[in-house]
Structures are given as structure tokens and as C-alpha cells.
Amino acid sequence: MAGHADVLRMEAAVNAFDGIFDGLLGYERLMLICGFVLFVFALLAITVMIVQRRDFKAAVLLIVVAIVLMGFPGIQAVKFSHGMVELDRIRAQPNAPDPAQQQQDRQLLGDLQQRAGDNPQLLARVSDGYRAIGEVNKAYDLASSVLRQKPPAEVQQTLIPVLTAKLDQVQQAAAPSGASPPAAKAAGSGVTAAVPATAPPPHAPVTIAAAAPASGPPPAASARRREIADIASQLQAVAAPLPAASHVALANAYLKLGDPRKAQTNVAQARKLDPRVRLGPALERALSPAPVAAH
């Protein structure tokens, strides 16, 4: 038991030490370390000089230099902390801000992303900030890079809104854009007749063009389906509970992917979390029981 407590205290100390450098660039971390070492050295030098009754003005100058070295990174750390508070405000806003505010928030997020380094928790929060201002693509790219590091569950939970927003965006883009132009069909033949611009002369042969064989969905549609499947797989694999909105997004995705069983499962989970959850008309129609024909 004592050994486990020692390990926990050591982990807490390591986390606290790492937290000191959060938001600092490489050269700022170096300045902070050098300033601290110089400060300790100057204090020891002053102590020795006082004991030996020697002049310690030079050591006092070293302390001033050490404070300057530590002061600049300290100011940057305070600015970073304020930026993280602003980030939480951005993430909590229900709608995207006006264009001027959005530009300011985008600049703040870019600076925070640079200063977050390789810290997955900080990068996940920045990713969710991009989602909040409507930069879904940038948010998803950053979220994907964080997920490739296999972060802990709390980091993955921060990325759930980002993955959900990206899945909704891709599905909206995959919605049909309209019907194809009408074509005349030869009755009972399964072939399409080419309708001439002017009436053919009497007794002229009518040319019937054979219909092109079915070749499956176009490449763009196939790529979109793969993208939906990839994002749905990422969201389903998150090691944290999903909210009702994410289950609805997954239900729509699985419906488009031709898996109504998984769609129904996610709808049931969404309704369990929020009985008042709203489903789209297409999802409602697809999952409603078929009417029984009267005999």
C-alpha cells in the first residue's frame, strides 16, 4: 500500500512539473530553467560570501539577471492561462460568433495550438474550439492527429463533439443534390430511346440506344461513403460514453451505409439518454415498421 502511495505522489509531482511548462515554447522553457539554476546559484553564492564576510554585490547582480530570465516565460505562461480561459468561453458558446469575433478567436486558437506543443489534452481542447467557431475541417484534422497518439479516455471525450460535427457535415454533403434529367424509356424493353429534336421523316428507322450497364455508385459517392464509415468508426471507438446527439449522428451514418440494425441500436441508445431526442424525417421513416397490407 505504501509503495502504491509513493507511486501516486511521484506521478502527481511529475504532472505538476510538466504543468509548469504548459504553453511555453522551447526557448522560453530554456530561459526558465537557466534562470532558476542561476537564481539558486546566486543565493548559494551570497550565503557563502556573507559567511566569509566578502562583498556580494556581483551575486546580487546575478539574482537580477535570473529574475529577468524567469520573468519573461512567467509572463507568457500567464498569457497562456488567460488564453485557455478564453478557449473555454469559445467552446461553451452555442453558436458561431460574428465574423469579427470569429477572426479574433481563430487567431487565439492558432496561438494556443502552437503553444500546446504535443500535449494531447490541450490540443483536444483547441480542436473543440475550432469546432465551436465553425472550423469543422480544421478541428477534425487536429482531432485525428490527437487520436493517432491513442490518448486517455478523458482526452477522447473532449473530441466527441468534434467527431460528431464532422460526421454530420459529411452526411449533409453526401445528401442527394437532385434528380437526374428525365429520359424516355422504350416500353417493356428496358432500353432508353433517344428522343430526336425533330420528328423523323416517314418510314425512317428509329434508333434506340441501349442503356449503359449499371456500374455501381460513382467514385465521388464511394469516397464519401468511405469517409462516413471512417468517421463513424472513430466515433464508435471512443473510450468514453457518447451523448444522445452522437448516437443520432451514428444512426444516420449507419443508415446511409446500409446497416439498419446498427442504426436502430444507436437510436435506442439515444432515446435512452434523452427521451425527447429529435430524429430526422428520413431516419424516422426508415426505422418505422412497415404497414401491414389488408387482405
C-alpha atoms as a PDB file:
ATOM      1  CA  MET A   1       0.000   0.000   0.000  1.00  0.00           C
ATOM      2  CA  ALA A   2       2.831   2.365   0.922  1.00  0.00           C
ATOM      3  CA  GLY A   3       4.575   1.625  -2.370  1.00  0.00           C
ATOM      4  CA  HIS A   4       1.414   2.464  -4.342  1.00  0.00           C
ATOM      5  CA  ALA A   5       1.044   5.750  -2.444  1.00  0.00           C
ATOM      6  CA  ASP A   6       4.652   6.642  -3.263  1.00  0.00           C
ATOM      7  CA  VAL A   7       3.999   5.975  -6.939  1.00  0.00           C
ATOM      8  CA  LEU A   8       0.902   8.207  -6.874  1.00  0.00           C
ATOM      9  CA  ARG A   9       2.849  11.015  -5.188  1.00  0.00           C
ATOM     10  CA  MET A  10       5.615  10.695  -7.768  1.00  0.00           C
ATOM     11  CA  GLU A  11       3.096  10.835 -10.640  1.00  0.00           C
ATOM     12  CA  ALA A  12       1.479  13.924  -9.100  1.00  0.00           C
ATOM     13  CA  ALA A  13       4.887  15.581  -8.788  1.00  0.00           C
ATOM     14  CA  VAL A  14       5.716  14.765 -12.410  1.00  0.00           C
ATOM     15  CA  ASN A  15       2.363  16.141 -13.600  1.00  0.00           C
ATOM     16  CA  ALA A  16       2.852  19.320 -11.580  1.00  0.00           C
ATOM     17  CA  PHE A  17       6.363  19.741 -13.020  1.00  0.00           C
ATOM     18  CA  ASP A  18       5.049  19.238 -16.557  1.00  0.00           C
ATOM     19  CA  GLY A  19       2.300  21.774 -15.883  1.00  0.00           C
ATOM     20  CA  ILE A  20       4.895  24.458 -15.242  1.00  0.00           C
ATOM     21  CA  PHE A  21       5.959  24.278 -18.888  1.00  0.00           C
ATOM     22  CA  ASP A  22       2.433  24.221 -20.379  1.00  0.00           C
ATOM     23  CA  GLY A  23       2.135  26.913 -23.037  1.00  0.00           C
ATOM     24  CA  LEU A  24       5.849  27.724 -23.157  1.00  0.00           C
ATOM     25  CA  LEU A  25       7.889  27.447 -26.342  1.00  0.00           C
ATOM     26  CA  GLY A  26      11.260  25.710 -26.392  1.00  0.00           C
ATOM     27  CA  TYR A  27      13.416  28.779 -25.874  1.00  0.00           C
ATOM     28  CA  GLU A  28      11.082  30.033 -23.113  1.00  0.00           C
ATOM     29  CA  ARG A  29      11.450  26.741 -21.251  1.00  0.00           C
ATOM     30  CA  LEU A  30      15.220  27.030 -21.583  1.00  0.00           C
ATOM     31  CA  MET A  31      15.119  30.599 -20.208  1.00  0.00           C
ATOM     32  CA  LEU A  32      13.016  29.447 -17.253  1.00  0.00           C
ATOM     33  CA  ILE A  33      15.371  26.577 -16.415  1.00  0.00           C
ATOM     34  CA  CYS A  34      18.514  28.704 -16.789  1.00  0.00           C
ATOM     35  CA  GLY A  35      17.008  31.488 -14.726  1.00  0.00           C
ATOM     36  CA  PHE A  36      16.063  29.091 -11.931  1.00  0.00           C
ATOM     37  CA  VAL A  37      19.522  27.490 -11.882  1.00  0.00           C
ATOM     38  CA  LEU A  38      21.198  30.908 -11.881  1.00  0.00           C
ATOM     39  CA  PHE A  39      18.917  32.098  -9.081  1.00  0.00           C
ATOM     40  CA  VAL A  40      19.769  29.106  -6.870  1.00  0.00           C
ATOM     41  CA  PHE A  41      23.485  29.522  -7.640  1.00  0.00           C
ATOM     42  CA  ALA A  42      23.341  33.239  -6.769  1.00  0.00           C
ATOM     43  CA  LEU A  43      21.611  32.516  -3.444  1.00  0.00           C
ATOM     44  CA  LEU A  44      24.268  29.963  -2.526  1.00  0.00           C
ATOM     45  CA  ALA A  45      26.996  32.402  -3.554  1.00  0.00           C
ATOM     46  CA  ILE A  46      25.517  35.160  -1.418  1.00  0.00           C
ATOM     47  CA  THR A  47      25.266  32.811   1.551  1.00  0.00           C
ATOM     48  CA  VAL A  48      28.919  31.824   1.225  1.00  0.00           C
ATOM     49  CA  MET A  49      30.029  35.464   0.800  1.00  0.00           C
ATOM     50  CA  ILE A  50      28.086  36.545   3.873  1.00  0.00           C
ATOM     51  CA  VAL A  51      29.687  33.788   5.939  1.00  0.00           C
ATOM     52  CA  GLN A  52      33.124  34.796   4.642  1.00  0.00           C
ATOM     53  CA  ARG A  53      32.294  38.500   5.056  1.00  0.00           C
ATOM     54  CA  ARG A  54      33.000  39.260   1.444  1.00  0.00           C
ATOM     55  CA  ASP A  55      31.362  41.749  -0.918  1.00  0.00           C
ATOM     56  CA  PHE A  56      28.361  40.063  -2.610  1.00  0.00           C
ATOM     57  CA  LYS A  57      27.260  42.816  -4.998  1.00  0.00           C
ATOM     58  CA  ALA A  58      28.173  40.678  -8.034  1.00  0.00           C
ATOM     59  CA  ALA A  59      25.968  37.869  -6.714  1.00  0.00           C
ATOM     60  CA  VAL A  60      23.076  40.289  -6.323  1.00  0.00           C
ATOM     61  CA  LEU A  61      23.505  41.216  -9.975  1.00  0.00           C
ATOM     62  CA  LEU A  62      23.240  37.512 -10.839  1.00  0.00           C
ATOM     63  CA  ILE A  63      19.925  37.364  -8.976  1.00  0.00           C
ATOM     64  CA  VAL A  64      18.625  40.286 -11.028  1.00  0.00           C
ATOM     65  CA  VAL A  65      19.621  38.517 -14.252  1.00  0.00           C
ATOM     66  CA  ALA A  66      17.981  35.305 -13.028  1.00  0.00           C
ATOM     67  CA  ILE A  67      14.737  37.121 -12.253  1.00  0.00           C
ATOM     68  CA  VAL A  68      14.712  38.655 -15.729  1.00  0.00           C
ATOM     69  CA  LEU A  69      15.295  35.233 -17.294  1.00  0.00           C
ATOM     70  CA  MET A  70      12.410  33.717 -15.332  1.00  0.00           C
ATOM     71  CA  GLY A  71      10.153  36.760 -15.690  1.00  0.00           C
ATOM     72  CA  PHE A  72       9.594  36.631 -19.455  1.00  0.00           C
ATOM     73  CA  PRO A  73       8.478  32.976 -19.513  1.00  0.00           C
ATOM     74  CA  GLY A  74       6.327  33.710 -16.486  1.00  0.00           C
ATOM     75  CA  ILE A  75       4.510  36.486 -18.355  1.00  0.00           C
ATOM     76  CA  GLN A  76       3.969  34.161 -21.324  1.00  0.00           C
ATOM     77  CA  ALA A  77       2.611  31.471 -19.004  1.00  0.00           C
ATOM     78  CA  VAL A  78       0.112  33.950 -17.542  1.00  0.00           C
ATOM     79  CA  LYS A  79      -0.998  34.950 -21.050  1.00  0.00           C
ATOM     80  CA  PHE A  80      -1.383  31.287 -21.958  1.00  0.00           C
ATOM     81  CA  SER A  81      -3.530  30.667 -18.876  1.00  0.00           C
ATOM     82  CA  HIS A  82      -5.756  33.597 -19.851  1.00  0.00           C
ATOM     83  CA  GLY A  83      -5.978  32.191 -23.368  1.00  0.00           C
ATOM     84  CA  MET A  84      -7.154  28.848 -22.019  1.00  0.00           C
ATOM     85  CA  VAL A  85      -9.901  30.644 -20.093  1.00  0.00           C
ATOM     86  CA  GLU A  86     -10.952  32.317 -23.351  1.00  0.00           C
ATOM     87  CA  LEU A  87     -10.837  28.911 -25.028  1.00  0.00           C
ATOM     88  CA  ASP A  88     -13.353  27.537 -22.534  1.00  0.00           C
ATOM     89  CA  ARG A  89     -15.599  30.510 -23.333  1.00  0.00           C
ATOM     90  CA  ILE A  90     -15.334  29.747 -27.055  1.00  0.00           C
ATOM     91  CA  ARG A  91     -16.147  26.069 -26.527  1.00  0.00           C
ATOM     92  CA  ALA A  92     -19.190  26.881 -24.400  1.00  0.00           C
ATOM     93  CA  GLN A  93     -20.827  29.241 -26.875  1.00  0.00           C
ATOM     94  CA  PRO A  94     -23.933  27.722 -28.509  1.00  0.00           C
ATOM     95  CA  ASN A  95     -23.444  29.273 -31.944  1.00  0.00           C
ATOM     96  CA  ALA A  96     -20.610  30.532 -34.095  1.00  0.00           C
ATOM     97  CA  PRO A  97     -19.790  34.194 -33.304  1.00  0.00           C
ATOM     98  CA  ASP A  98     -19.973  37.108 -35.698  1.00  0.00           C
ATOM     99  CA  PRO A  99     -17.208  37.324 -38.354  1.00  0.00           C
ATOM    100  CA  ALA A 100     -15.098  39.872 -36.457  1.00  0.00           C
ATOM    101  CA  GLN A 101     -15.191  37.846 -33.245  1.00  0.00           C
ATOM    102  CA  GLN A 102     -14.592  34.658 -35.214  1.00  0.00           C
ATOM    103  CA  GLN A 103     -11.385  36.127 -36.686  1.00  0.00           C
ATOM    104  CA  GLN A 104     -10.124  37.037 -33.206  1.00  0.00           C
ATOM    105  CA  ASP A 105     -10.980  33.588 -31.887  1.00  0.00           C
ATOM    106  CA  ARG A 106      -9.242  31.950 -34.855  1.00  0.00           C
ATOM    107  CA  GLN A 107      -6.039  33.875 -34.103  1.00  0.00           C
ATOM    108  CA  LEU A 108      -6.268  32.915 -30.422  1.00  0.00           C
ATOM    109  CA  LEU A 109      -6.762  29.249 -31.284  1.00  0.00           C
ATOM    110  CA  GLY A 110      -3.810  29.288 -33.667  1.00  0.00           C
ATOM    111  CA  ASP A 111      -1.544  30.707 -30.956  1.00  0.00           C
ATOM    112  CA  LEU A 112      -2.813  28.209 -28.378  1.00  0.00           C
ATOM    113  CA  GLN A 113      -2.291  25.332 -30.804  1.00  0.00           C
ATOM    114  CA  GLN A 114       1.308  26.400 -31.356  1.00  0.00           C
ATOM    115  CA  ARG A 115       1.947  26.697 -27.626  1.00  0.00           C
ATOM    116  CA  ALA A 116       0.164  23.439 -26.748  1.00  0.00           C
ATOM    117  CA  GLY A 117       3.082  21.510 -28.267  1.00  0.00           C
ATOM    118  CA  ASP A 118       2.408  17.786 -28.119  1.00  0.00           C
ATOM    119  CA  ASN A 119       0.104  17.915 -25.075  1.00  0.00           C
ATOM    120  CA  PRO A 120      -2.939  15.824 -26.180  1.00  0.00           C
ATOM    121  CA  GLN A 121      -5.354  17.314 -23.640  1.00  0.00           C
ATOM    122  CA  LEU A 122      -4.549  20.889 -24.652  1.00  0.00           C
ATOM    123  CA  LEU A 123      -4.688  20.033 -28.354  1.00  0.00           C
ATOM    124  CA  ALA A 124      -8.055  18.321 -27.873  1.00  0.00           C
ATOM    125  CA  ARG A 125      -9.465  21.458 -26.250  1.00  0.00           C
ATOM    126  CA  VAL A 126      -8.123  23.600 -29.097  1.00  0.00           C
ATOM    127  CA  SER A 127      -9.688  21.189 -31.595  1.00  0.00           C
ATOM    128  CA  ASP A 128     -13.064  21.594 -29.901  1.00  0.00           C
ATOM    129  CA  GLY A 129     -12.553  25.359 -30.039  1.00  0.00           C
ATOM    130  CA  TYR A 130     -12.186  25.210 -33.824  1.00  0.00           C
ATOM    131  CA  ARG A 131     -15.411  23.202 -33.912  1.00  0.00           C
ATOM    132  CA  ALA A 132     -17.201  25.871 -31.882  1.00  0.00           C
ATOM    133  CA  ILE A 133     -16.330  28.669 -34.339  1.00  0.00           C
ATOM    134  CA  GLY A 134     -17.380  26.598 -37.360  1.00  0.00           C
ATOM    135  CA  GLU A 135     -13.906  25.458 -38.493  1.00  0.00           C
ATOM    136  CA  VAL A 136     -15.014  21.808 -38.574  1.00  0.00           C
ATOM    137  CA  ASN A 137     -12.398  20.603 -41.080  1.00  0.00           C
ATOM    138  CA  LYS A 138      -9.511  22.114 -39.134  1.00  0.00           C
ATOM    139  CA  ALA A 139     -10.989  20.763 -35.903  1.00  0.00           C
ATOM    140  CA  TYR A 140     -11.243  17.262 -37.339  1.00  0.00           C
ATOM    141  CA  ASP A 141      -7.704  17.275 -38.760  1.00  0.00           C
ATOM    142  CA  LEU A 142      -6.331  18.229 -35.354  1.00  0.00           C
ATOM    143  CA  ALA A 143      -8.572  15.679 -33.605  1.00  0.00           C
ATOM    144  CA  SER A 144      -7.359  12.911 -35.924  1.00  0.00           C
ATOM    145  CA  SER A 145      -3.717  13.721 -35.135  1.00  0.00           C
ATOM    146  CA  VAL A 146      -4.502  13.553 -31.412  1.00  0.00           C
ATOM    147  CA  LEU A 147      -6.372  10.237 -31.742  1.00  0.00           C
ATOM    148  CA  ARG A 148      -3.418   8.686 -33.566  1.00  0.00           C
ATOM    149  CA  GLN A 149      -1.466   9.073 -30.309  1.00  0.00           C
ATOM    150  CA  LYS A 150      -4.050   6.843 -28.548  1.00  0.00           C
ATOM    151  CA  PRO A 151      -4.729   9.367 -25.758  1.00  0.00           C
ATOM    152  CA  PRO A 152      -6.517   8.542 -22.474  1.00  0.00           C
ATOM    153  CA  ALA A 153     -10.302   8.414 -22.205  1.00  0.00           C
ATOM    154  CA  GLU A 154     -10.711  11.974 -20.893  1.00  0.00           C
ATOM    155  CA  VAL A 155      -8.924  13.341 -23.959  1.00  0.00           C
ATOM    156  CA  GLN A 156     -11.072  11.242 -26.294  1.00  0.00           C
ATOM    157  CA  GLN A 157     -14.179  12.503 -24.511  1.00  0.00           C
ATOM    158  CA  THR A 158     -13.144  16.088 -25.300  1.00  0.00           C
ATOM    159  CA  LEU A 159     -13.058  15.164 -29.003  1.00  0.00           C
ATOM    160  CA  ILE A 160     -16.576  13.648 -29.148  1.00  0.00           C
ATOM    161  CA  PRO A 161     -18.258  16.934 -30.232  1.00  0.00           C
ATOM    162  CA  VAL A 162     -15.623  17.366 -32.960  1.00  0.00           C
ATOM    163  CA  LEU A 163     -16.166  13.887 -34.409  1.00  0.00           C
ATOM    164  CA  THR A 164     -19.933  14.318 -34.193  1.00  0.00           C
ATOM    165  CA  ALA A 165     -19.829  17.668 -36.006  1.00  0.00           C
ATOM    166  CA  LYS A 166     -17.596  16.230 -38.735  1.00  0.00           C
ATOM    167  CA  LEU A 167     -19.875  13.222 -39.194  1.00  0.00           C
ATOM    168  CA  ASP A 168     -22.915  15.500 -39.534  1.00  0.00           C
ATOM    169  CA  GLN A 169     -21.046  17.725 -42.004  1.00  0.00           C
ATOM    170  CA  VAL A 170     -20.017  14.825 -44.243  1.00  0.00           C
ATOM    171  CA  GLN A 171     -23.512  13.358 -44.228  1.00  0.00           C
ATOM    172  CA  GLN A 172     -25.048  16.701 -45.210  1.00  0.00           C
ATOM    173  CA  ALA A 173     -22.573  16.947 -48.083  1.00  0.00           C
ATOM    174  CA  ALA A 174     -23.492  13.414 -49.148  1.00  0.00           C
ATOM    175  CA  ALA A 175     -27.218  14.244 -49.424  1.00  0.00           C
ATOM    176  CA  PRO A 176     -28.589  13.883 -52.961  1.00  0.00           C
ATOM    177  CA  SER A 177     -28.412  17.139 -54.892  1.00  0.00           C
ATOM    178  CA  GLY A 178     -31.283  16.466 -57.255  1.00  0.00           C
ATOM    179  CA  ALA A 179     -32.773  14.014 -59.678  1.00  0.00           C
ATOM    180  CA  SER A 180     -31.135  13.126 -62.956  1.00  0.00           C
ATOM    181  CA  PRO A 181     -32.597  14.526 -66.201  1.00  0.00           C
ATOM    182  CA  PRO A 182     -35.647  12.586 -67.413  1.00  0.00           C
ATOM    183  CA  ALA A 183     -35.144  10.041 -70.190  1.00  0.00           C
ATOM    184  CA  ALA A 184     -37.682   8.268 -72.373  1.00  0.00           C
ATOM    185  CA  LYS A 185     -37.933   4.505 -71.856  1.00  0.00           C
ATOM    186  CA  ALA A 186     -38.888   2.021 -74.512  1.00  0.00           C
ATOM    187  CA  ALA A 187     -41.950   0.237 -73.250  1.00  0.00           C
ATOM    188  CA  GLY A 188     -41.236  -3.256 -71.986  1.00  0.00           C
ATOM    189  CA  SER A 189     -37.739  -3.303 -73.447  1.00  0.00           C
ATOM    190  CA  GLY A 190     -35.586  -1.908 -70.604  1.00  0.00           C
ATOM    191  CA  VAL A 191     -33.707   0.295 -73.051  1.00  0.00           C
ATOM    192  CA  THR A 192     -33.719   4.036 -73.390  1.00  0.00           C
ATOM    193  CA  ALA A 193     -34.887   5.611 -76.608  1.00  0.00           C
ATOM    194  CA  ALA A 194     -33.080   8.665 -77.848  1.00  0.00           C
ATOM    195  CA  VAL A 195     -35.688  11.364 -78.394  1.00  0.00           C
ATOM    196  CA  PRO A 196     -34.801  13.323 -81.564  1.00  0.00           C
ATOM    197  CA  ALA A 197     -35.015  17.089 -81.619  1.00  0.00           C
ATOM    198  CA  THR A 198     -37.239  16.985 -84.717  1.00  0.00           C
ATOM    199  CA  ALA A 199     -39.668  14.370 -85.932  1.00  0.00           C
ATOM    200  CA  PRO A 200     -38.047  11.792 -88.252  1.00  0.00           C
ATOM    201  CA  PRO A 201     -39.253  11.560 -91.846  1.00  0.00           C
ATOM    202  CA  PRO A 202     -41.857   8.910 -92.699  1.00  0.00           C
ATOM    203  CA  HIS A 203     -40.616   5.314 -92.831  1.00  0.00           C
ATOM    204  CA  ALA A 204     -37.238   6.369 -91.390  1.00  0.00           C
ATOM    205  CA  PRO A 205     -35.779   3.837 -88.919  1.00  0.00           C
ATOM    206  CA  VAL A 206     -35.939   4.792 -85.247  1.00  0.00           C
ATOM    207  CA  THR A 207     -32.622   4.346 -83.482  1.00  0.00           C
ATOM    208  CA  ILE A 208     -32.805   3.020 -79.900  1.00  0.00           C
ATOM    209  CA  ALA A 209     -29.699   3.449 -77.793  1.00  0.00           C
ATOM    210  CA  ALA A 210     -29.017   0.644 -75.354  1.00  0.00           C
ATOM    211  CA  ALA A 211     -28.899   1.631 -71.712  1.00  0.00           C
ATOM    212  CA  ALA A 212     -25.452   1.659 -70.144  1.00  0.00           C
ATOM    213  CA  PRO A 213     -24.897  -1.228 -67.767  1.00  0.00           C
ATOM    214  CA  ALA A 214     -25.077  -0.456 -64.066  1.00  0.00           C
ATOM    215  CA  SER A 215     -21.576   0.154 -62.775  1.00  0.00           C
ATOM    216  CA  GLY A 216     -22.267   0.931 -59.109  1.00  0.00           C
ATOM    217  CA  PRO A 217     -22.029   4.305 -57.380  1.00  0.00           C
ATOM    218  CA  PRO A 218     -19.785   6.986 -58.891  1.00  0.00           C
ATOM    219  CA  PRO A 219     -16.272   7.352 -57.454  1.00  0.00           C
ATOM    220  CA  ALA A 220     -17.213  10.526 -55.539  1.00  0.00           C
ATOM    221  CA  ALA A 221     -20.113   8.749 -53.825  1.00  0.00           C
ATOM    222  CA  SER A 222     -17.907   5.771 -52.939  1.00  0.00           C
ATOM    223  CA  ALA A 223     -15.281   8.079 -51.450  1.00  0.00           C
ATOM    224  CA  ARG A 224     -17.956   9.859 -49.443  1.00  0.00           C
ATOM    225  CA  ARG A 225     -19.271   6.539 -48.098  1.00  0.00           C
ATOM    226  CA  ARG A 226     -15.760   5.527 -47.052  1.00  0.00           C
ATOM    227  CA  GLU A 227     -15.307   8.862 -45.293  1.00  0.00           C
ATOM    228  CA  ILE A 228     -18.593   8.411 -43.432  1.00  0.00           C
ATOM    229  CA  ALA A 229     -17.575   4.882 -42.452  1.00  0.00           C
ATOM    230  CA  ASP A 230     -14.152   6.049 -41.203  1.00  0.00           C
ATOM    231  CA  ILE A 231     -15.547   8.867 -39.057  1.00  0.00           C
ATOM    232  CA  ALA A 232     -18.330   6.652 -37.695  1.00  0.00           C
ATOM    233  CA  SER A 233     -15.719   4.060 -36.752  1.00  0.00           C
ATOM    234  CA  GLN A 234     -13.632   6.718 -34.966  1.00  0.00           C
ATOM    235  CA  LEU A 235     -16.653   7.974 -33.043  1.00  0.00           C
ATOM    236  CA  GLN A 236     -17.864   4.481 -32.151  1.00  0.00           C
ATOM    237  CA  ALA A 237     -14.381   3.550 -30.886  1.00  0.00           C
ATOM    238  CA  VAL A 238     -14.101   6.468 -28.444  1.00  0.00           C
ATOM    239  CA  ALA A 239     -13.332   5.122 -24.979  1.00  0.00           C
ATOM    240  CA  ALA A 240     -15.935   7.351 -23.334  1.00  0.00           C
ATOM    241  CA  PRO A 241     -19.765   7.433 -23.161  1.00  0.00           C
ATOM    242  CA  LEU A 242     -21.398   9.131 -26.142  1.00  0.00           C
ATOM    243  CA  PRO A 243     -24.199  11.703 -25.768  1.00  0.00           C
ATOM    244  CA  ALA A 244     -27.569  11.341 -27.477  1.00  0.00           C
ATOM    245  CA  ALA A 245     -26.604  13.659 -30.355  1.00  0.00           C
ATOM    246  CA  SER A 246     -23.619  11.456 -31.232  1.00  0.00           C
ATOM    247  CA  HIS A 247     -25.796   8.334 -31.273  1.00  0.00           C
ATOM    248  CA  VAL A 248     -28.220  10.083 -33.643  1.00  0.00           C
ATOM    249  CA  ALA A 249     -25.329  11.028 -35.946  1.00  0.00           C
ATOM    250  CA  LEU A 250     -24.157   7.411 -35.891  1.00  0.00           C
ATOM    251  CA  ALA A 251     -27.686   6.176 -36.636  1.00  0.00           C
ATOM    252  CA  ASN A 252     -27.878   8.400 -39.711  1.00  0.00           C
ATOM    253  CA  ALA A 253     -24.416   7.234 -40.786  1.00  0.00           C
ATOM    254  CA  TYR A 254     -25.215   3.537 -40.475  1.00  0.00           C
ATOM    255  CA  LEU A 255     -28.471   4.081 -42.329  1.00  0.00           C
ATOM    256  CA  LYS A 256     -26.540   5.589 -45.254  1.00  0.00           C
ATOM    257  CA  LEU A 257     -24.062   2.713 -45.055  1.00  0.00           C
ATOM    258  CA  GLY A 258     -26.861   0.163 -45.352  1.00  0.00           C
ATOM    259  CA  ASP A 259     -26.742  -1.174 -41.787  1.00  0.00           C
ATOM    260  CA  PRO A 260     -30.226  -0.560 -40.307  1.00  0.00           C
ATOM    261  CA  ARG A 261     -29.535  -2.833 -37.327  1.00  0.00           C
ATOM    262  CA  LYS A 262     -26.720  -0.594 -36.036  1.00  0.00           C
ATOM    263  CA  ALA A 263     -28.844   2.454 -36.866  1.00  0.00           C
ATOM    264  CA  GLN A 264     -31.694   1.094 -34.728  1.00  0.00           C
ATOM    265  CA  THR A 265     -29.288   0.283 -31.887  1.00  0.00           C
ATOM    266  CA  ASN A 266     -27.946   3.833 -31.815  1.00  0.00           C
ATOM    267  CA  VAL A 267     -31.456   5.295 -31.949  1.00  0.00           C
ATOM    268  CA  ALA A 268     -32.412   3.172 -28.944  1.00  0.00           C
ATOM    269  CA  GLN A 269     -29.321   4.371 -27.051  1.00  0.00           C
ATOM    270  CA  ALA A 270     -30.069   7.988 -27.950  1.00  0.00           C
ATOM    271  CA  ARG A 271     -33.661   7.700 -26.700  1.00  0.00           C
ATOM    272  CA  LYS A 272     -32.450   6.045 -23.522  1.00  0.00           C
ATOM    273  CA  LEU A 273     -30.163   9.012 -22.832  1.00  0.00           C
ATOM    274  CA  ASP A 274     -32.721  11.615 -23.923  1.00  0.00           C
ATOM    275  CA  PRO A 275     -36.324  10.502 -24.471  1.00  0.00           C
ATOM    276  CA  ARG A 276     -37.047  13.820 -26.209  1.00  0.00           C
ATOM    277  CA  VAL A 277     -34.258  13.457 -28.757  1.00  0.00           C
ATOM    278  CA  ARG A 278     -35.298  14.502 -32.266  1.00  0.00           C
ATOM    279  CA  LEU A 279     -34.668  12.310 -35.290  1.00  0.00           C
ATOM    280  CA  GLY A 280     -34.645  13.405 -38.903  1.00  0.00           C
ATOM    281  CA  PRO A 281     -37.627  12.523 -41.126  1.00  0.00           C
ATOM    282  CA  ALA A 282     -35.545  10.117 -43.223  1.00  0.00           C
ATOM    283  CA  LEU A 283     -34.388   8.250 -40.123  1.00  0.00           C
ATOM    284  CA  GLU A 284     -37.914   8.129 -38.718  1.00  0.00           C
ATOM    285  CA  ARG A 285     -39.289   6.703 -41.966  1.00  0.00           C
ATOM    286  CA  ALA A 286     -36.504   4.162 -42.368  1.00  0.00           C
ATOM    287  CA  LEU A 287     -36.856   2.772 -38.859  1.00  0.00           C
ATOM    288  CA  SER A 288     -40.666   2.842 -38.617  1.00  0.00           C
ATOM    289  CA  PRO A 289     -42.350  -0.577 -39.004  1.00  0.00           C
ATOM    290  CA  ALA A 290     -43.740  -1.330 -42.450  1.00  0.00           C
ATOM    291  CA  PRO A 291     -47.561  -1.166 -42.683  1.00  0.00           C
ATOM    292  CA  VAL A 292     -49.362  -4.499 -42.825  1.00  0.00           C
ATOM    293  CA  ALA A 293     -51.300  -4.950 -46.073  1.00  0.00           C
ATOM    294  CA  ALA A 294     -55.023  -5.666 -45.637  1.00  0.00           C
ATOM    295  CA  HIS A 295     -56.261  -8.989 -47.050  1.00  0.00           C
END
